[in-house]
Amino acid sequence: MSSLVSLILLPMLFGRPGAYGTAVLYKKKDDDSLVILKEINLHELNVSERQLAQNEVTNCLLIKMF
């Protein structure tokens, strides 16, 4: 985790590695809301898997907008 992220987030619960990475639950320091960050090592994925991971991020952003 970068130093900037550690200034605003506190790790709460570490998930187990899944098919495309590890999800970690954090609490935001400013308002105590909870967020989940999914850490994905793209270097370990083939082209098709990288595209699926990118699609997942895009879909999450679209959901967040609505």
PDB file of N, CA and C in Angstrom:
ATOM      1  N   MET A   1       0.846  -1.174   0.000  1.00  0.00           N
ATOM      2  CA  MET A   1       0.000   0.000   0.000  1.00  0.00           C
ATOM      3  C   MET A   1       0.888   1.233   0.000  1.00  0.00           C
ATOM      4  N   SER A   2       0.518   2.213  -0.810  1.00  0.00           N
ATOM      5  CA  SER A   2       1.327   3.428  -0.886  1.00  0.00           C
ATOM      6  C   SER A   2       1.172   4.262   0.377  1.00  0.00           C
ATOM      7  N   SER A   3       2.133   5.148   0.616  1.00  0.00           N
ATOM      8  CA  SER A   3       2.080   5.989   1.811  1.00  0.00           C
ATOM      9  C   SER A   3       0.886   6.936   1.770  1.00  0.00           C
ATOM     10  N   LEU A   4       0.485   7.397   0.582  1.00  0.00           N
ATOM     11  CA  LEU A   4      -0.687   8.269   0.471  1.00  0.00           C
ATOM     12  C   LEU A   4      -1.944   7.524   0.910  1.00  0.00           C
ATOM     13  N   VAL A   5      -2.106   6.291   0.465  1.00  0.00           N
ATOM     14  CA  VAL A   5      -3.271   5.499   0.852  1.00  0.00           C
ATOM     15  C   VAL A   5      -3.261   5.245   2.348  1.00  0.00           C
ATOM     16  N   SER A   6      -2.106   4.981   2.935  1.00  0.00           N
ATOM     17  CA  SER A   6      -2.051   4.703   4.367  1.00  0.00           C
ATOM     18  C   SER A   6      -2.412   5.934   5.203  1.00  0.00           C
ATOM     19  N   LEU A   7      -2.345   7.131   4.631  1.00  0.00           N
ATOM     20  CA  LEU A   7      -2.740   8.338   5.351  1.00  0.00           C
ATOM     21  C   LEU A   7      -4.260   8.470   5.459  1.00  0.00           C
ATOM     22  N   ILE A   8      -4.989   7.845   4.533  1.00  0.00           N
ATOM     23  CA  ILE A   8      -6.437   8.005   4.541  1.00  0.00           C
ATOM     24  C   ILE A   8      -7.203   6.708   4.810  1.00  0.00           C
ATOM     25  N   LEU A   9      -6.520   5.561   4.791  1.00  0.00           N
ATOM     26  CA  LEU A   9      -7.194   4.280   4.985  1.00  0.00           C
ATOM     27  C   LEU A   9      -6.515   3.444   6.062  1.00  0.00           C
ATOM     28  N   LEU A  10      -7.317   2.763   6.858  1.00  0.00           N
ATOM     29  CA  LEU A  10      -6.808   1.807   7.844  1.00  0.00           C
ATOM     30  C   LEU A  10      -7.222   0.404   7.419  1.00  0.00           C
ATOM     31  N   PRO A  11      -6.281  -0.531   7.275  1.00  0.00           N
ATOM     32  CA  PRO A  11      -6.685  -1.890   6.913  1.00  0.00           C
ATOM     33  C   PRO A  11      -7.495  -2.523   8.043  1.00  0.00           C
ATOM     34  N   MET A  12      -8.613  -3.159   7.694  1.00  0.00           N
ATOM     35  CA  MET A  12      -9.492  -3.766   8.681  1.00  0.00           C
ATOM     36  C   MET A  12      -9.488  -5.302   8.585  1.00  0.00           C
ATOM     37  N   LEU A  13      -9.533  -5.820   7.370  1.00  0.00           N
ATOM     38  CA  LEU A  13      -9.647  -7.258   7.166  1.00  0.00           C
ATOM     39  C   LEU A  13      -8.995  -7.613   5.843  1.00  0.00           C
ATOM     40  N   PHE A  14      -8.078  -8.548   5.879  1.00  0.00           N
ATOM     41  CA  PHE A  14      -7.392  -8.980   4.675  1.00  0.00           C
ATOM     42  C   PHE A  14      -8.061 -10.246   4.158  1.00  0.00           C
ATOM     43  N   GLY A  15      -8.403 -10.251   2.897  1.00  0.00           N
ATOM     44  CA  GLY A  15      -9.022 -11.419   2.296  1.00  0.00           C
ATOM     45  C   GLY A  15      -7.984 -12.416   1.836  1.00  0.00           C
ATOM     46  N   ARG A  16      -8.473 -13.583   1.481  1.00  0.00           N
ATOM     47  CA  ARG A  16      -7.591 -14.598   0.914  1.00  0.00           C
ATOM     48  C   ARG A  16      -7.422 -14.330  -0.578  1.00  0.00           C
ATOM     49  N   PRO A  17      -6.282 -14.689  -1.118  1.00  0.00           N
ATOM     50  CA  PRO A  17      -6.097 -14.498  -2.564  1.00  0.00           C
ATOM     51  C   PRO A  17      -7.153 -15.262  -3.354  1.00  0.00           C
ATOM     52  N   GLY A  18      -7.724 -14.593  -4.349  1.00  0.00           N
ATOM     53  CA  GLY A  18      -8.715 -15.220  -5.207  1.00  0.00           C
ATOM     54  C   GLY A  18      -8.155 -15.441  -6.592  1.00  0.00           C
ATOM     55  N   ALA A  19      -9.045 -15.625  -7.540  1.00  0.00           N
ATOM     56  CA  ALA A  19      -8.633 -15.924  -8.911  1.00  0.00           C
ATOM     57  C   ALA A  19      -7.812 -14.790  -9.524  1.00  0.00           C
ATOM     58  N   TYR A  20      -8.197 -13.548  -9.231  1.00  0.00           N
ATOM     59  CA  TYR A  20      -7.517 -12.415  -9.861  1.00  0.00           C
ATOM     60  C   TYR A  20      -6.906 -11.441  -8.878  1.00  0.00           C
ATOM     61  N   GLY A  21      -6.733 -11.824  -7.630  1.00  0.00           N
ATOM     62  CA  GLY A  21      -6.123 -10.907  -6.679  1.00  0.00           C
ATOM     63  C   GLY A  21      -6.671 -11.083  -5.282  1.00  0.00           C
ATOM     64  N   THR A  22      -6.369 -10.113  -4.434  1.00  0.00           N
ATOM     65  CA  THR A  22      -6.788 -10.146  -3.039  1.00  0.00           C
ATOM     66  C   THR A  22      -7.613  -8.904  -2.727  1.00  0.00           C
ATOM     67  N   ALA A  23      -8.781  -9.100  -2.129  1.00  0.00           N
ATOM     68  CA  ALA A  23      -9.621  -7.984  -1.712  1.00  0.00           C
ATOM     69  C   ALA A  23      -9.314  -7.675  -0.251  1.00  0.00           C
ATOM     70  N   VAL A  24      -9.189  -6.375   0.059  1.00  0.00           N
ATOM     71  CA  VAL A  24      -8.874  -5.942   1.416  1.00  0.00           C
ATOM     72  C   VAL A  24      -9.916  -4.907   1.837  1.00  0.00           C
ATOM     73  N   LEU A  25     -10.467  -5.077   3.037  1.00  0.00           N
ATOM     74  CA  LEU A  25     -11.427  -4.134   3.591  1.00  0.00           C
ATOM     75  C   LEU A  25     -10.667  -3.055   4.363  1.00  0.00           C
ATOM     76  N   TYR A  26     -10.960  -1.795   4.065  1.00  0.00           N
ATOM     77  CA  TYR A  26     -10.334  -0.660   4.737  1.00  0.00           C
ATOM     78  C   TYR A  26     -11.410   0.234   5.342  1.00  0.00           C
ATOM     79  N   LYS A  27     -11.035   0.966   6.374  1.00  0.00           N
ATOM     80  CA  LYS A  27     -11.896   2.003   6.942  1.00  0.00           C
ATOM     81  C   LYS A  27     -11.254   3.349   6.627  1.00  0.00           C
ATOM     82  N   LYS A  28     -12.048   4.262   6.066  1.00  0.00           N
ATOM     83  CA  LYS A  28     -11.545   5.598   5.772  1.00  0.00           C
ATOM     84  C   LYS A  28     -11.393   6.366   7.071  1.00  0.00           C
ATOM     85  N   LYS A  29     -10.240   7.012   7.245  1.00  0.00           N
ATOM     86  CA  LYS A  29      -9.956   7.736   8.478  1.00  0.00           C
ATOM     87  C   LYS A  29     -10.821   8.982   8.642  1.00  0.00           C
ATOM     88  N   ASP A  30     -11.199   9.616   7.542  1.00  0.00           N
ATOM     89  CA  ASP A  30     -11.922  10.886   7.663  1.00  0.00           C
ATOM     90  C   ASP A  30     -13.389  10.720   8.059  1.00  0.00           C
ATOM     91  N   ASP A  31     -14.046   9.636   7.620  1.00  0.00           N
ATOM     92  CA  ASP A  31     -15.478   9.500   7.931  1.00  0.00           C
ATOM     93  C   ASP A  31     -15.878   8.101   8.411  1.00  0.00           C
ATOM     94  N   ASP A  32     -14.914   7.233   8.640  1.00  0.00           N
ATOM     95  CA  ASP A  32     -15.142   5.863   9.121  1.00  0.00           C
ATOM     96  C   ASP A  32     -15.964   4.995   8.173  1.00  0.00           C
ATOM     97  N   SER A  33     -16.149   5.409   6.929  1.00  0.00           N
ATOM     98  CA  SER A  33     -16.850   4.552   5.976  1.00  0.00           C
ATOM     99  C   SER A  33     -15.913   3.416   5.556  1.00  0.00           C
ATOM    100  N   LEU A  34     -16.504   2.330   5.094  1.00  0.00           N
ATOM    101  CA  LEU A  34     -15.740   1.157   4.697  1.00  0.00           C
ATOM    102  C   LEU A  34     -15.616   1.097   3.183  1.00  0.00           C
ATOM    103  N   VAL A  35     -14.443   0.706   2.707  1.00  0.00           N
ATOM    104  CA  VAL A  35     -14.193   0.528   1.282  1.00  0.00           C
ATOM    105  C   VAL A  35     -13.436  -0.779   1.090  1.00  0.00           C
ATOM    106  N   ILE A  36     -13.590  -1.369  -0.076  1.00  0.00           N
ATOM    107  CA  ILE A  36     -12.850  -2.579  -0.417  1.00  0.00           C
ATOM    108  C   ILE A  36     -11.967  -2.259  -1.609  1.00  0.00           C
ATOM    109  N   LEU A  37     -10.689  -2.562  -1.471  1.00  0.00           N
ATOM    110  CA  LEU A  37      -9.755  -2.426  -2.583  1.00  0.00           C
ATOM    111  C   LEU A  37      -9.329  -3.816  -3.009  1.00  0.00           C
ATOM    112  N   LYS A  38      -9.333  -4.062  -4.296  1.00  0.00           N
ATOM    113  CA  LYS A  38      -8.888  -5.349  -4.821  1.00  0.00           C
ATOM    114  C   LYS A  38      -7.529  -5.145  -5.470  1.00  0.00           C
ATOM    115  N   GLU A  39      -6.546  -5.855  -4.956  1.00  0.00           N
ATOM    116  CA  GLU A  39      -5.182  -5.751  -5.471  1.00  0.00           C
ATOM    117  C   GLU A  39      -4.948  -6.896  -6.455  1.00  0.00           C
ATOM    118  N   ILE A  40      -4.586  -6.527  -7.688  1.00  0.00           N
ATOM    119  CA  ILE A  40      -4.403  -7.512  -8.750  1.00  0.00           C
ATOM    120  C   ILE A  40      -3.004  -7.365  -9.318  1.00  0.00           C
ATOM    121  N   ASN A  41      -2.251  -8.462  -9.368  1.00  0.00           N
ATOM    122  CA  ASN A  41      -0.941  -8.464  -9.989  1.00  0.00           C
ATOM    123  C   ASN A  41      -1.128  -8.775 -11.476  1.00  0.00           C
ATOM    124  N   LEU A  42      -1.134  -7.729 -12.285  1.00  0.00           N
ATOM    125  CA  LEU A  42      -1.396  -7.898 -13.717  1.00  0.00           C
ATOM    126  C   LEU A  42      -0.293  -8.645 -14.441  1.00  0.00           C
ATOM    127  N   HIS A  43       0.903  -8.674 -13.885  1.00  0.00           N
ATOM    128  CA  HIS A  43       2.019  -9.362 -14.533  1.00  0.00           C
ATOM    129  C   HIS A  43       1.832 -10.872 -14.543  1.00  0.00           C
ATOM    130  N   GLU A  44       0.997 -11.388 -13.637  1.00  0.00           N
ATOM    131  CA  GLU A  44       0.768 -12.823 -13.567  1.00  0.00           C
ATOM    132  C   GLU A  44      -0.382 -13.286 -14.459  1.00  0.00           C
ATOM    133  N   LEU A  45      -1.055 -12.357 -15.127  1.00  0.00           N
ATOM    134  CA  LEU A  45      -2.215 -12.681 -15.944  1.00  0.00           C
ATOM    135  C   LEU A  45      -1.857 -12.708 -17.418  1.00  0.00           C
ATOM    136  N   ASN A  46      -2.539 -13.582 -18.152  1.00  0.00           N
ATOM    137  CA  ASN A  46      -2.369 -13.564 -19.604  1.00  0.00           C
ATOM    138  C   ASN A  46      -3.254 -12.458 -20.180  1.00  0.00           C
ATOM    139  N   VAL A  47      -3.207 -12.261 -21.475  1.00  0.00           N
ATOM    140  CA  VAL A  47      -3.918 -11.153 -22.112  1.00  0.00           C
ATOM    141  C   VAL A  47      -5.419 -11.232 -21.846  1.00  0.00           C
ATOM    142  N   SER A  48      -5.997 -12.403 -21.971  1.00  0.00           N
ATOM    143  CA  SER A  48      -7.430 -12.581 -21.755  1.00  0.00           C
ATOM    144  C   SER A  48      -7.815 -12.275 -20.307  1.00  0.00           C
ATOM    145  N   GLU A  49      -7.025 -12.749 -19.362  1.00  0.00           N
ATOM    146  CA  GLU A  49      -7.297 -12.503 -17.944  1.00  0.00           C
ATOM    147  C   GLU A  49      -7.156 -11.022 -17.602  1.00  0.00           C
ATOM    148  N   ARG A  50      -6.164 -10.353 -18.196  1.00  0.00           N
ATOM    149  CA  ARG A  50      -6.008  -8.912 -17.974  1.00  0.00           C
ATOM    150  C   ARG A  50      -7.232  -8.152 -18.480  1.00  0.00           C
ATOM    151  N   GLN A  51      -7.768  -8.577 -19.622  1.00  0.00           N
ATOM    152  CA  GLN A  51      -8.958  -7.919 -20.165  1.00  0.00           C
ATOM    153  C   GLN A  51     -10.153  -8.138 -19.245  1.00  0.00           C
ATOM    154  N   LEU A  52     -10.310  -9.339 -18.700  1.00  0.00           N
ATOM    155  CA  LEU A  52     -11.396  -9.604 -17.752  1.00  0.00           C
ATOM    156  C   LEU A  52     -11.262  -8.743 -16.499  1.00  0.00           C
ATOM    157  N   ALA A  53     -10.042  -8.597 -16.007  1.00  0.00           N
ATOM    158  CA  ALA A  53      -9.807  -7.755 -14.830  1.00  0.00           C
ATOM    159  C   ALA A  53     -10.136  -6.303 -15.135  1.00  0.00           C
ATOM    160  N   GLN A  54      -9.757  -5.821 -16.308  1.00  0.00           N
ATOM    161  CA  GLN A  54     -10.070  -4.446 -16.711  1.00  0.00           C
ATOM    162  C   GLN A  54     -11.577  -4.250 -16.830  1.00  0.00           C
ATOM    163  N   ASN A  55     -12.276  -5.245 -17.371  1.00  0.00           N
ATOM    164  CA  ASN A  55     -13.734  -5.166 -17.485  1.00  0.00           C
ATOM    165  C   ASN A  55     -14.379  -5.078 -16.102  1.00  0.00           C
ATOM    166  N   GLU A  56     -13.836  -5.807 -15.144  1.00  0.00           N
ATOM    167  CA  GLU A  56     -14.368  -5.768 -13.778  1.00  0.00           C
ATOM    168  C   GLU A  56     -14.243  -4.371 -13.187  1.00  0.00           C
ATOM    169  N   VAL A  57     -13.105  -3.731 -13.399  1.00  0.00           N
ATOM    170  CA  VAL A  57     -12.901  -2.368 -12.903  1.00  0.00           C
ATOM    171  C   VAL A  57     -13.883  -1.415 -13.583  1.00  0.00           C
ATOM    172  N   THR A  58     -14.026  -1.529 -14.882  1.00  0.00           N
ATOM    173  CA  THR A  58     -14.942  -0.669 -15.621  1.00  0.00           C
ATOM    174  C   THR A  58     -16.370  -0.847 -15.136  1.00  0.00           C
ATOM    175  N   ASN A  59     -16.790  -2.086 -14.917  1.00  0.00           N
ATOM    176  CA  ASN A  59     -18.143  -2.349 -14.433  1.00  0.00           C
ATOM    177  C   ASN A  59     -18.353  -1.767 -13.035  1.00  0.00           C
ATOM    178  N   CYS A  60     -17.358  -1.870 -12.172  1.00  0.00           N
ATOM    179  CA  CYS A  60     -17.468  -1.298 -10.820  1.00  0.00           C
ATOM    180  C   CYS A  60     -17.593   0.215 -10.891  1.00  0.00           C
ATOM    181  N   LEU A  61     -16.859   0.840 -11.786  1.00  0.00           N
ATOM    182  CA  LEU A  61     -16.958   2.304 -11.936  1.00  0.00           C
ATOM    183  C   LEU A  61     -18.332   2.703 -12.437  1.00  0.00           C
ATOM    184  N   LEU A  62     -18.894   1.933 -13.351  1.00  0.00           N
ATOM    185  CA  LEU A  62     -20.232   2.239 -13.870  1.00  0.00           C
ATOM    186  C   LEU A  62     -21.279   2.096 -12.773  1.00  0.00           C
ATOM    187  N   ILE A  63     -21.139   1.061 -11.935  1.00  0.00           N
ATOM    188  CA  ILE A  63     -22.078   0.864 -10.832  1.00  0.00           C
ATOM    189  C   ILE A  63     -21.977   2.024  -9.855  1.00  0.00           C
ATOM    190  N   LYS A  64     -20.757   2.450  -9.556  1.00  0.00           N
ATOM    191  CA  LYS A  64     -20.536   3.555  -8.615  1.00  0.00           C
ATOM    192  C   LYS A  64     -21.183   4.834  -9.096  1.00  0.00           C
ATOM    193  N   MET A  65     -21.224   5.048 -10.416  1.00  0.00           N
ATOM    194  CA  MET A  65     -21.780   6.282 -10.972  1.00  0.00           C
ATOM    195  C   MET A  65     -23.300   6.324 -10.822  1.00  0.00           C
ATOM    196  N   PHE A  66     -23.956   5.186 -10.698  1.00  0.00           N
ATOM    197  CA  PHE A  66     -25.421   5.158 -10.613  1.00  0.00           C
ATOM    198  C   PHE A  66     -25.815   4.919  -9.224  1.00  0.00           C
TER     199      PHE A  66
END
